[in-house]
Amino acid sequence: MTTKIHHSALTVLDSEDHELTGEKRHRALADFRLTGTMFGAFFARVGGDWEDPDRPDTWGPESPESVDWTGFDA
């Protein structure tokens, strides 16, 4: 069984590689949880074997199901 990544450990970046914080981060994570994608944002790498260093769209958790959403108020 794969260990889930807690939502608080995920770094969310905008299209210019700036880290999202506060409400912007929360909205991006809520979108990912609901749809499996984030508009205008992407995750920093988490070290998964599915991640391609040259493709930011592969970075982060594989799916919303691979995130521990405990304590996330959506």
Protein backbone atom coordinates (compact mmCIF):
# COMPACT_ATOMS: atom_id res chain seq x y z
CA MET A 1 0.00 0.00 0.00
CA THR A 2 1.27 3.46 -0.93
CA THR A 3 1.53 6.04 1.82
CA LYS A 4 -0.70 9.04 1.25
CA ILE A 5 0.80 12.52 1.23
CA HIS A 6 -0.82 14.86 3.73
CA HIS A 7 -2.26 17.94 2.03
CA SER A 8 -0.22 20.23 4.30
CA ALA A 9 3.01 18.76 2.89
CA LEU A 10 2.17 19.69 -0.70
CA THR A 11 3.73 22.75 -2.29
CA VAL A 12 1.54 24.42 -4.92
CA LEU A 13 3.16 26.72 -7.48
CA ASP A 14 1.79 29.19 -9.98
CA SER A 15 2.81 29.34 -13.64
CA GLU A 16 5.84 31.48 -12.72
CA ASP A 17 7.09 29.02 -10.05
CA HIS A 18 5.93 31.17 -7.14
CA GLU A 19 4.52 29.27 -4.18
CA LEU A 20 0.81 29.76 -3.61
CA THR A 21 -0.29 30.46 -0.05
CA GLY A 22 -3.48 31.28 1.78
CA GLU A 23 -6.75 31.33 -0.14
CA LYS A 24 -5.08 30.78 -3.54
CA ARG A 25 -3.43 27.59 -2.29
CA HIS A 26 -6.66 26.44 -0.67
CA ARG A 27 -8.64 27.02 -3.89
CA ALA A 28 -6.08 25.13 -5.98
CA LEU A 29 -6.13 22.17 -3.59
CA ALA A 30 -9.93 22.19 -3.45
CA ASP A 31 -10.02 22.08 -7.28
CA PHE A 32 -7.54 19.20 -7.31
CA ARG A 33 -9.55 17.31 -4.72
CA LEU A 34 -12.76 17.75 -6.71
CA THR A 35 -11.54 17.47 -10.31
CA GLY A 36 -8.04 15.95 -10.21
CA THR A 37 -6.52 19.06 -11.79
CA MET A 38 -5.68 22.68 -10.93
CA PHE A 39 -6.12 25.60 -13.32
CA GLY A 40 -3.05 27.86 -13.47
CA ALA A 41 -1.17 25.94 -10.79
CA PHE A 42 0.94 22.83 -10.36
CA PHE A 43 2.60 20.88 -7.58
CA ALA A 44 6.26 20.87 -6.68
CA ARG A 45 7.85 17.44 -7.01
CA VAL A 46 7.12 14.95 -4.24
CA GLY A 47 9.64 12.29 -5.32
CA GLY A 48 7.23 9.84 -6.93
CA ASP A 49 8.48 7.43 -9.58
CA TRP A 50 5.71 8.70 -11.93
CA GLU A 51 7.22 12.21 -11.95
CA ASP A 52 9.19 13.31 -15.01
CA PRO A 53 11.71 16.05 -14.04
CA ASP A 54 11.07 17.79 -17.36
CA ARG A 55 7.25 17.74 -17.16
CA PRO A 56 5.71 19.75 -14.30
CA ASP A 57 2.29 18.32 -15.20
CA THR A 58 3.49 14.97 -13.79
CA TRP A 59 4.68 16.41 -10.46
CA GLY A 60 2.87 15.98 -7.18
CA PRO A 61 0.44 13.31 -6.04
CA GLU A 62 -0.79 10.87 -8.67
CA SER A 63 -4.43 11.61 -7.89
CA PRO A 64 -6.68 13.16 -5.25
CA GLU A 65 -7.07 9.67 -3.76
CA SER A 66 -3.33 9.61 -3.00
CA VAL A 67 -3.66 12.64 -0.71
CA ASP A 68 -4.56 12.51 2.97
CA TRP A 69 -7.22 15.21 3.18
CA THR A 70 -7.61 14.96 6.97
CA GLY A 71 -8.23 18.46 8.33
CA PHE A 72 -8.75 20.03 4.90
CA ASP A 73 -11.85 22.18 5.00
CA ALA A 74 -13.28 22.28 1.50
